[in-house]
Amino acid sequence: MYRVNSISIVSDRELDVQFDTGETKRCDISRYFDKGLFRQLSNPKLFRQVRAIPYGIEWPNEADLSSDTLFAIGQTIITQIETVTEARS
């Protein structure tokens, strides 16, 4: 399971989620706005009250998404950059 390091609100429907892998993904949450507690998130004021928890995100109305779901639905915008050290001769 992935860990959520941080989130940034991009719009009234999108979040940038940074994971412990070093990747940041843009997640469009509006796909859930027609389901249960997520209907209330179409209200921008409530949507912007999102907070990160170690293995996902949650809102004050008890709607939540797991980090695995966010990783699966997100579009990668930053990939992990690996540093390569060359051996000296």
PDB file of N, CA and C in Angstrom:
ATOM      1  N   MET A   1       0.846  -1.177   0.000  1.00  0.00           N
ATOM      2  CA  MET A   1       0.000   0.000   0.000  1.00  0.00           C
ATOM      3  C   MET A   1       0.896   1.247   0.000  1.00  0.00           C
ATOM      4  N   TYR A   2       0.517   2.219  -0.799  1.00  0.00           N
ATOM      5  CA  TYR A   2       1.264   3.468  -0.895  1.00  0.00           C
ATOM      6  C   TYR A   2       0.909   4.384   0.281  1.00  0.00           C
ATOM      7  N   ARG A   3       1.844   5.230   0.655  1.00  0.00           N
ATOM      8  CA  ARG A   3       1.586   6.258   1.673  1.00  0.00           C
ATOM      9  C   ARG A   3       1.446   7.597   0.970  1.00  0.00           C
ATOM     10  N   VAL A   4       0.539   8.419   1.480  1.00  0.00           N
ATOM     11  CA  VAL A   4       0.369   9.776   0.970  1.00  0.00           C
ATOM     12  C   VAL A   4       1.267  10.692   1.800  1.00  0.00           C
ATOM     13  N   ASN A   5       2.189  11.378   1.130  1.00  0.00           N
ATOM     14  CA  ASN A   5       3.067  12.328   1.822  1.00  0.00           C
ATOM     15  C   ASN A   5       2.413  13.694   1.950  1.00  0.00           C
ATOM     16  N   SER A   6       1.750  14.140   0.861  1.00  0.00           N
ATOM     17  CA  SER A   6       1.113  15.453   0.882  1.00  0.00           C
ATOM     18  C   SER A   6       0.095  15.543  -0.245  1.00  0.00           C
ATOM     19  N   ILE A   7      -0.787  16.550  -0.124  1.00  0.00           N
ATOM     20  CA  ILE A   7      -1.752  16.828  -1.187  1.00  0.00           C
ATOM     21  C   ILE A   7      -1.791  18.335  -1.425  1.00  0.00           C
ATOM     22  N   SER A   8      -2.109  18.699  -2.649  1.00  0.00           N
ATOM     23  CA  SER A   8      -2.319  20.104  -3.030  1.00  0.00           C
ATOM     24  C   SER A   8      -3.612  20.171  -3.815  1.00  0.00           C
ATOM     25  N   ILE A   9      -4.413  21.164  -3.521  1.00  0.00           N
ATOM     26  CA  ILE A   9      -5.665  21.358  -4.247  1.00  0.00           C
ATOM     27  C   ILE A   9      -5.354  22.099  -5.545  1.00  0.00           C
ATOM     28  N   VAL A  10      -5.749  21.519  -6.659  1.00  0.00           N
ATOM     29  CA  VAL A  10      -5.503  22.101  -7.976  1.00  0.00           C
ATOM     30  C   VAL A  10      -6.727  22.874  -8.450  1.00  0.00           C
ATOM     31  N   SER A  11      -7.906  22.308  -8.197  1.00  0.00           N
ATOM     32  CA  SER A  11      -9.166  22.933  -8.610  1.00  0.00           C
ATOM     33  C   SER A  11     -10.262  22.400  -7.692  1.00  0.00           C
ATOM     34  N   ASP A  12     -11.508  22.697  -8.032  1.00  0.00           N
ATOM     35  CA  ASP A  12     -12.645  22.223  -7.230  1.00  0.00           C
ATOM     36  C   ASP A  12     -12.971  20.755  -7.492  1.00  0.00           C
ATOM     37  N   ARG A  13     -12.101  20.077  -8.205  1.00  0.00           N
ATOM     38  CA  ARG A  13     -12.311  18.650  -8.479  1.00  0.00           C
ATOM     39  C   ARG A  13     -11.018  17.855  -8.573  1.00  0.00           C
ATOM     40  N   GLU A  14      -9.875  18.542  -8.577  1.00  0.00           N
ATOM     41  CA  GLU A  14      -8.599  17.851  -8.755  1.00  0.00           C
ATOM     42  C   GLU A  14      -7.636  18.117  -7.606  1.00  0.00           C
ATOM     43  N   LEU A  15      -6.847  17.080  -7.300  1.00  0.00           N
ATOM     44  CA  LEU A  15      -5.818  17.161  -6.268  1.00  0.00           C
ATOM     45  C   LEU A  15      -4.515  16.620  -6.840  1.00  0.00           C
ATOM     46  N   ASP A  16      -3.410  17.224  -6.442  1.00  0.00           N
ATOM     47  CA  ASP A  16      -2.101  16.626  -6.698  1.00  0.00           C
ATOM     48  C   ASP A  16      -1.715  15.885  -5.436  1.00  0.00           C
ATOM     49  N   VAL A  17      -1.422  14.607  -5.583  1.00  0.00           N
ATOM     50  CA  VAL A  17      -1.105  13.754  -4.439  1.00  0.00           C
ATOM     51  C   VAL A  17       0.330  13.261  -4.589  1.00  0.00           C
ATOM     52  N   GLN A  18       1.156  13.545  -3.571  1.00  0.00           N
ATOM     53  CA  GLN A  18       2.528  13.063  -3.567  1.00  0.00           C
ATOM     54  C   GLN A  18       2.585  11.801  -2.710  1.00  0.00           C
ATOM     55  N   PHE A  19       3.180  10.764  -3.284  1.00  0.00           N
ATOM     56  CA  PHE A  19       3.268   9.467  -2.625  1.00  0.00           C
ATOM     57  C   PHE A  19       4.677   9.199  -2.114  1.00  0.00           C
ATOM     58  N   ASP A  20       4.794   8.210  -1.255  1.00  0.00           N
ATOM     59  CA  ASP A  20       6.092   7.856  -0.695  1.00  0.00           C
ATOM     60  C   ASP A  20       7.052   7.282  -1.733  1.00  0.00           C
ATOM     61  N   THR A  21       6.569   7.012  -2.926  1.00  0.00           N
ATOM     62  CA  THR A  21       7.425   6.540  -4.021  1.00  0.00           C
ATOM     63  C   THR A  21       8.205   7.682  -4.657  1.00  0.00           C
ATOM     64  N   GLY A  22       7.822   8.927  -4.313  1.00  0.00           N
ATOM     65  CA  GLY A  22       8.423  10.101  -4.939  1.00  0.00           C
ATOM     66  C   GLY A  22       7.578  10.627  -6.086  1.00  0.00           C
ATOM     67  N   GLU A  23       6.582   9.863  -6.488  1.00  0.00           N
ATOM     68  CA  GLU A  23       5.714  10.288  -7.586  1.00  0.00           C
ATOM     69  C   GLU A  23       4.630  11.233  -7.086  1.00  0.00           C
ATOM     70  N   THR A  24       4.247  12.162  -7.959  1.00  0.00           N
ATOM     71  CA  THR A  24       3.082  13.014  -7.722  1.00  0.00           C
ATOM     72  C   THR A  24       2.105  12.746  -8.841  1.00  0.00           C
ATOM     73  N   LYS A  25       0.850  12.520  -8.461  1.00  0.00           N
ATOM     74  CA  LYS A  25      -0.191  12.231  -9.447  1.00  0.00           C
ATOM     75  C   LYS A  25      -1.341  13.211  -9.295  1.00  0.00           C
ATOM     76  N   ARG A  26      -1.885  13.628 -10.433  1.00  0.00           N
ATOM     77  CA  ARG A  26      -3.073  14.488 -10.441  1.00  0.00           C
ATOM     78  C   ARG A  26      -4.300  13.593 -10.477  1.00  0.00           C
ATOM     79  N   CYS A  27      -5.155  13.768  -9.463  1.00  0.00           N
ATOM     80  CA  CYS A  27      -6.336  12.920  -9.304  1.00  0.00           C
ATOM     81  C   CYS A  27      -7.607  13.737  -9.479  1.00  0.00           C
ATOM     82  N   ASP A  28      -8.415  13.362 -10.457  1.00  0.00           N
ATOM     83  CA  ASP A  28      -9.715  13.999 -10.681  1.00  0.00           C
ATOM     84  C   ASP A  28     -10.745  13.238  -9.859  1.00  0.00           C
ATOM     85  N   ILE A  29     -11.211  13.869  -8.801  1.00  0.00           N
ATOM     86  CA  ILE A  29     -12.122  13.223  -7.855  1.00  0.00           C
ATOM     87  C   ILE A  29     -13.578  13.306  -8.324  1.00  0.00           C
ATOM     88  N   SER A  30     -13.855  14.116  -9.329  1.00  0.00           N
ATOM     89  CA  SER A  30     -15.239  14.325  -9.773  1.00  0.00           C
ATOM     90  C   SER A  30     -15.910  13.036 -10.254  1.00  0.00           C
ATOM     91  N   ARG A  31     -15.141  12.033 -10.625  1.00  0.00           N
ATOM     92  CA  ARG A  31     -15.728  10.747 -11.043  1.00  0.00           C
ATOM     93  C   ARG A  31     -16.552  10.109  -9.932  1.00  0.00           C
ATOM     94  N   TYR A  32     -16.334  10.544  -8.685  1.00  0.00           N
ATOM     95  CA  TYR A  32     -17.061   9.996  -7.542  1.00  0.00           C
ATOM     96  C   TYR A  32     -18.211  10.886  -7.064  1.00  0.00           C
ATOM     97  N   PHE A  33     -18.375  12.062  -7.672  1.00  0.00           N
ATOM     98  CA  PHE A  33     -19.361  13.042  -7.204  1.00  0.00           C
ATOM     99  C   PHE A  33     -20.808  12.549  -7.294  1.00  0.00           C
ATOM    100  N   ASP A  34     -21.058  11.442  -7.967  1.00  0.00           N
ATOM    101  CA  ASP A  34     -22.431  10.923  -8.057  1.00  0.00           C
ATOM    102  C   ASP A  34     -22.660   9.725  -7.127  1.00  0.00           C
ATOM    103  N   LYS A  35     -21.729   9.509  -6.174  1.00  0.00           N
ATOM    104  CA  LYS A  35     -21.809   8.345  -5.291  1.00  0.00           C
ATOM    105  C   LYS A  35     -21.838   8.751  -3.817  1.00  0.00           C
ATOM    106  N   GLY A  36     -22.841   8.303  -3.080  1.00  0.00           N
ATOM    107  CA  GLY A  36     -22.906   8.430  -1.628  1.00  0.00           C
ATOM    108  C   GLY A  36     -22.439   9.755  -1.057  1.00  0.00           C
ATOM    109  N   LEU A  37     -21.545   9.679  -0.075  1.00  0.00           N
ATOM    110  CA  LEU A  37     -21.022  10.871   0.589  1.00  0.00           C
ATOM    111  C   LEU A  37     -20.253  11.791  -0.356  1.00  0.00           C
ATOM    112  N   PHE A  38     -19.761  11.243  -1.464  1.00  0.00           N
ATOM    113  CA  PHE A  38     -18.989  12.039  -2.420  1.00  0.00           C
ATOM    114  C   PHE A  38     -19.845  13.079  -3.135  1.00  0.00           C
ATOM    115  N   ARG A  39     -21.170  12.881  -3.160  1.00  0.00           N
ATOM    116  CA  ARG A  39     -22.062  13.882  -3.780  1.00  0.00           C
ATOM    117  C   ARG A  39     -21.847  15.257  -3.159  1.00  0.00           C
ATOM    118  N   GLN A  40     -21.626  15.269  -1.842  1.00  0.00           N
ATOM    119  CA  GLN A  40     -21.441  16.533  -1.127  1.00  0.00           C
ATOM    120  C   GLN A  40     -20.153  17.252  -1.536  1.00  0.00           C
ATOM    121  N   LEU A  41     -19.203  16.510  -2.100  1.00  0.00           N
ATOM    122  CA  LEU A  41     -17.915  17.100  -2.468  1.00  0.00           C
ATOM    123  C   LEU A  41     -17.995  17.949  -3.727  1.00  0.00           C
ATOM    124  N   SER A  42     -19.132  17.947  -4.406  1.00  0.00           N
ATOM    125  CA  SER A  42     -19.296  18.858  -5.529  1.00  0.00           C
ATOM    126  C   SER A  42     -19.416  20.299  -5.032  1.00  0.00           C
ATOM    127  N   ASN A  43     -19.601  20.466  -3.731  1.00  0.00           N
ATOM    128  CA  ASN A  43     -19.572  21.786  -3.094  1.00  0.00           C
ATOM    129  C   ASN A  43     -18.092  22.155  -2.916  1.00  0.00           C
ATOM    130  N   PRO A  44     -17.603  23.175  -3.627  1.00  0.00           N
ATOM    131  CA  PRO A  44     -16.174  23.516  -3.564  1.00  0.00           C
ATOM    132  C   PRO A  44     -15.669  23.803  -2.145  1.00  0.00           C
ATOM    133  N   LYS A  45     -16.510  24.402  -1.315  1.00  0.00           N
ATOM    134  CA  LYS A  45     -16.087  24.716   0.049  1.00  0.00           C
ATOM    135  C   LYS A  45     -15.754  23.435   0.824  1.00  0.00           C
ATOM    136  N   LEU A  46     -16.579  22.417   0.687  1.00  0.00           N
ATOM    137  CA  LEU A  46     -16.322  21.142   1.358  1.00  0.00           C
ATOM    138  C   LEU A  46     -15.145  20.415   0.708  1.00  0.00           C
ATOM    139  N   PHE A  47     -15.105  20.422  -0.620  1.00  0.00           N
ATOM    140  CA  PHE A  47     -14.025  19.724  -1.326  1.00  0.00           C
ATOM    141  C   PHE A  47     -12.661  20.214  -0.849  1.00  0.00           C
ATOM    142  N   ARG A  48     -12.539  21.508  -0.645  1.00  0.00           N
ATOM    143  CA  ARG A  48     -11.261  22.114  -0.253  1.00  0.00           C
ATOM    144  C   ARG A  48     -10.870  21.834   1.196  1.00  0.00           C
ATOM    145  N   GLN A  49     -11.727  21.150   1.942  1.00  0.00           N
ATOM    146  CA  GLN A  49     -11.409  20.794   3.320  1.00  0.00           C
ATOM    147  C   GLN A  49     -10.740  19.416   3.420  1.00  0.00           C
ATOM    148  N   VAL A  50     -10.315  18.898   2.298  1.00  0.00           N
ATOM    149  CA  VAL A  50      -9.648  17.596   2.259  1.00  0.00           C
ATOM    150  C   VAL A  50      -8.373  17.637   3.099  1.00  0.00           C
ATOM    151  N   ARG A  51      -8.044  16.484   3.673  1.00  0.00           N
ATOM    152  CA  ARG A  51      -6.770  16.384   4.379  1.00  0.00           C
ATOM    153  C   ARG A  51      -6.148  15.028   4.111  1.00  0.00           C
ATOM    154  N   ALA A  52      -4.824  15.013   4.151  1.00  0.00           N
ATOM    155  CA  ALA A  52      -4.088  13.773   3.935  1.00  0.00           C
ATOM    156  C   ALA A  52      -4.036  12.974   5.236  1.00  0.00           C
ATOM    157  N   ILE A  53      -4.193  11.680   5.093  1.00  0.00           N
ATOM    158  CA  ILE A  53      -3.959  10.743   6.187  1.00  0.00           C
ATOM    159  C   ILE A  53      -2.914   9.765   5.643  1.00  0.00           C
ATOM    160  N   PRO A  54      -2.240   9.002   6.487  1.00  0.00           N
ATOM    161  CA  PRO A  54      -1.119   8.197   5.979  1.00  0.00           C
ATOM    162  C   PRO A  54      -1.430   7.319   4.767  1.00  0.00           C
ATOM    163  N   TYR A  55      -2.589   6.702   4.738  1.00  0.00           N
ATOM    164  CA  TYR A  55      -2.897   5.790   3.632  1.00  0.00           C
ATOM    165  C   TYR A  55      -4.107   6.234   2.833  1.00  0.00           C
ATOM    166  N   GLY A  56      -4.237   7.560   2.635  1.00  0.00           N
ATOM    167  CA  GLY A  56      -5.320   8.085   1.820  1.00  0.00           C
ATOM    168  C   GLY A  56      -5.610   9.538   2.122  1.00  0.00           C
ATOM    169  N   ILE A  57      -6.836   9.937   1.782  1.00  0.00           N
ATOM    170  CA  ILE A  57      -7.317  11.293   2.045  1.00  0.00           C
ATOM    171  C   ILE A  57      -8.728  11.199   2.610  1.00  0.00           C
ATOM    172  N   GLU A  58      -9.133  12.254   3.335  1.00  0.00           N
ATOM    173  CA  GLU A  58     -10.486  12.246   3.891  1.00  0.00           C
ATOM    174  C   GLU A  58     -11.015  13.671   3.992  1.00  0.00           C
ATOM    175  N   TRP A  59     -12.350  13.743   4.094  1.00  0.00           N
ATOM    176  CA  TRP A  59     -13.055  15.007   4.239  1.00  0.00           C
ATOM    177  C   TRP A  59     -13.851  14.992   5.544  1.00  0.00           C
ATOM    178  N   PRO A  60     -14.263  16.173   6.023  1.00  0.00           N
ATOM    179  CA  PRO A  60     -15.030  16.235   7.273  1.00  0.00           C
ATOM    180  C   PRO A  60     -16.348  15.459   7.243  1.00  0.00           C
ATOM    181  N   ASN A  61     -16.918  15.226   6.060  1.00  0.00           N
ATOM    182  CA  ASN A  61     -18.189  14.491   5.972  1.00  0.00           C
ATOM    183  C   ASN A  61     -17.989  12.973   6.000  1.00  0.00           C
ATOM    184  N   GLU A  62     -16.762  12.525   6.268  1.00  0.00           N
ATOM    185  CA  GLU A  62     -16.381  11.118   6.372  1.00  0.00           C
ATOM    186  C   GLU A  62     -16.167  10.417   5.032  1.00  0.00           C
ATOM    187  N   ALA A  63     -16.228  11.135   3.927  1.00  0.00           N
ATOM    188  CA  ALA A  63     -15.840  10.554   2.638  1.00  0.00           C
ATOM    189  C   ALA A  63     -14.326  10.375   2.666  1.00  0.00           C
ATOM    190  N   ASP A  64     -13.851   9.279   2.085  1.00  0.00           N
ATOM    191  CA  ASP A  64     -12.410   9.063   2.033  1.00  0.00           C
ATOM    192  C   ASP A  64     -12.055   8.205   0.828  1.00  0.00           C
ATOM    193  N   LEU A  65     -10.799   8.284   0.432  1.00  0.00           N
ATOM    194  CA  LEU A  65     -10.267   7.459  -0.647  1.00  0.00           C
ATOM    195  C   LEU A  65      -8.926   6.906  -0.186  1.00  0.00           C
ATOM    196  N   SER A  66      -8.682   5.648  -0.508  1.00  0.00           N
ATOM    197  CA  SER A  66      -7.417   5.033  -0.123  1.00  0.00           C
ATOM    198  C   SER A  66      -6.290   5.506  -1.030  1.00  0.00           C
ATOM    199  N   SER A  67      -5.086   5.375  -0.518  1.00  0.00           N
ATOM    200  CA  SER A  67      -3.919   5.757  -1.310  1.00  0.00           C
ATOM    201  C   SER A  67      -3.786   4.878  -2.558  1.00  0.00           C
ATOM    202  N   ASP A  68      -4.161   3.613  -2.457  1.00  0.00           N
ATOM    203  CA  ASP A  68      -4.095   2.732  -3.631  1.00  0.00           C
ATOM    204  C   ASP A  68      -5.059   3.182  -4.724  1.00  0.00           C
ATOM    205  N   THR A  69      -6.260   3.612  -4.320  1.00  0.00           N
ATOM    206  CA  THR A  69      -7.224   4.126  -5.299  1.00  0.00           C
ATOM    207  C   THR A  69      -6.677   5.382  -5.960  1.00  0.00           C
ATOM    208  N   LEU A  70      -6.156   6.301  -5.177  1.00  0.00           N
ATOM    209  CA  LEU A  70      -5.601   7.539  -5.716  1.00  0.00           C
ATOM    210  C   LEU A  70      -4.448   7.259  -6.668  1.00  0.00           C
ATOM    211  N   PHE A  71      -3.588   6.322  -6.312  1.00  0.00           N
ATOM    212  CA  PHE A  71      -2.455   5.969  -7.169  1.00  0.00           C
ATOM    213  C   PHE A  71      -2.952   5.404  -8.495  1.00  0.00           C
ATOM    214  N   ALA A  72      -4.011   4.605  -8.446  1.00  0.00           N
ATOM    215  CA  ALA A  72      -4.550   3.972  -9.652  1.00  0.00           C
ATOM    216  C   ALA A  72      -5.245   4.975 -10.576  1.00  0.00           C
ATOM    217  N   ILE A  73      -5.985   5.944 -10.015  1.00  0.00           N
ATOM    218  CA  ILE A  73      -6.751   6.867 -10.866  1.00  0.00           C
ATOM    219  C   ILE A  73      -5.946   8.093 -11.287  1.00  0.00           C
ATOM    220  N   GLY A  74      -4.830   8.341 -10.623  1.00  0.00           N
ATOM    221  CA  GLY A  74      -4.063   9.557 -10.891  1.00  0.00           C
ATOM    222  C   GLY A  74      -3.241   9.492 -12.158  1.00  0.00           C
ATOM    223  N   GLN A  75      -3.043  10.648 -12.744  1.00  0.00           N
ATOM    224  CA  GLN A  75      -2.157  10.799 -13.897  1.00  0.00           C
ATOM    225  C   GLN A  75      -0.823  11.321 -13.385  1.00  0.00           C
ATOM    226  N   THR A  76       0.248  10.606 -13.673  1.00  0.00           N
ATOM    227  CA  THR A  76       1.561  10.991 -13.172  1.00  0.00           C
ATOM    228  C   THR A  76       1.979  12.339 -13.742  1.00  0.00           C
ATOM    229  N   ILE A  77       2.357  13.251 -12.846  1.00  0.00           N
ATOM    230  CA  ILE A  77       2.870  14.547 -13.301  1.00  0.00           C
ATOM    231  C   ILE A  77       4.331  14.733 -12.901  1.00  0.00           C
ATOM    232  N   ILE A  78       4.772  14.003 -11.876  1.00  0.00           N
ATOM    233  CA  ILE A  78       6.184  14.001 -11.485  1.00  0.00           C
ATOM    234  C   ILE A  78       6.555  12.563 -11.175  1.00  0.00           C
ATOM    235  N   THR A  79       7.627  12.094 -11.804  1.00  0.00           N
ATOM    236  CA  THR A  79       8.097  10.748 -11.515  1.00  0.00           C
ATOM    237  C   THR A  79       9.298  10.835 -10.590  1.00  0.00           C
ATOM    238  N   GLN A  80       9.575   9.753  -9.939  1.00  0.00           N
ATOM    239  CA  GLN A  80      10.727   9.703  -9.056  1.00  0.00           C
ATOM    240  C   GLN A  80      11.983   9.863  -9.883  1.00  0.00           C
ATOM    241  N   ILE A  81      12.846  10.737  -9.440  1.00  0.00           N
ATOM    242  CA  ILE A  81      14.114  10.955 -10.137  1.00  0.00           C
ATOM    243  C   ILE A  81      15.202  10.218  -9.363  1.00  0.00           C
ATOM    244  N   GLU A  82      15.859   9.334 -10.063  1.00  0.00           N
ATOM    245  CA  GLU A  82      16.923   8.568  -9.431  1.00  0.00           C
ATOM    246  C   GLU A  82      18.258   9.212  -9.735  1.00  0.00           C
ATOM    247  N   THR A  83      19.097   9.284  -8.738  1.00  0.00           N
ATOM    248  CA  THR A  83      20.434   9.828  -8.909  1.00  0.00           C
ATOM    249  C   THR A  83      21.394   8.677  -9.134  1.00  0.00           C
ATOM    250  N   VAL A  84      22.176   8.797 -10.178  1.00  0.00           N
ATOM    251  CA  VAL A  84      23.154   7.762 -10.495  1.00  0.00           C
ATOM    252  C   VAL A  84      24.527   8.339 -10.196  1.00  0.00           C
ATOM    253  N   THR A  85      25.281   7.613  -9.402  1.00  0.00           N
ATOM    254  CA  THR A  85      26.641   8.021  -9.076  1.00  0.00           C
ATOM    255  C   THR A  85      27.597   7.151  -9.871  1.00  0.00           C
ATOM    256  N   GLU A  86      28.472   7.806 -10.633  1.00  0.00           N
ATOM    257  CA  GLU A  86      29.440   7.042 -11.418  1.00  0.00           C
ATOM    258  C   GLU A  86      30.662   6.752 -10.563  1.00  0.00           C
ATOM    259  N   ALA A  87      31.173   5.556 -10.717  1.00  0.00           N
ATOM    260  CA  ALA A  87      32.388   5.176  -9.998  1.00  0.00           C
ATOM    261  C   ALA A  87      33.583   5.860 -10.643  1.00  0.00           C
ATOM    262  N   ARG A  88      34.462   6.354  -9.792  1.00  0.00           N
ATOM    263  CA  ARG A  88      35.691   6.991 -10.309  1.00  0.00           C
ATOM    264  C   ARG A  88      36.753   5.922 -10.545  1.00  0.00           C
ATOM    265  N   SER A  89      37.490   6.086 -11.630  1.00  0.00           N
ATOM    266  CA  SER A  89      38.543   5.112 -11.943  1.00  0.00           C
ATOM    267  C   SER A  89      39.799   5.436 -11.198  1.00  0.00           C
TER     268      SER A  89
END
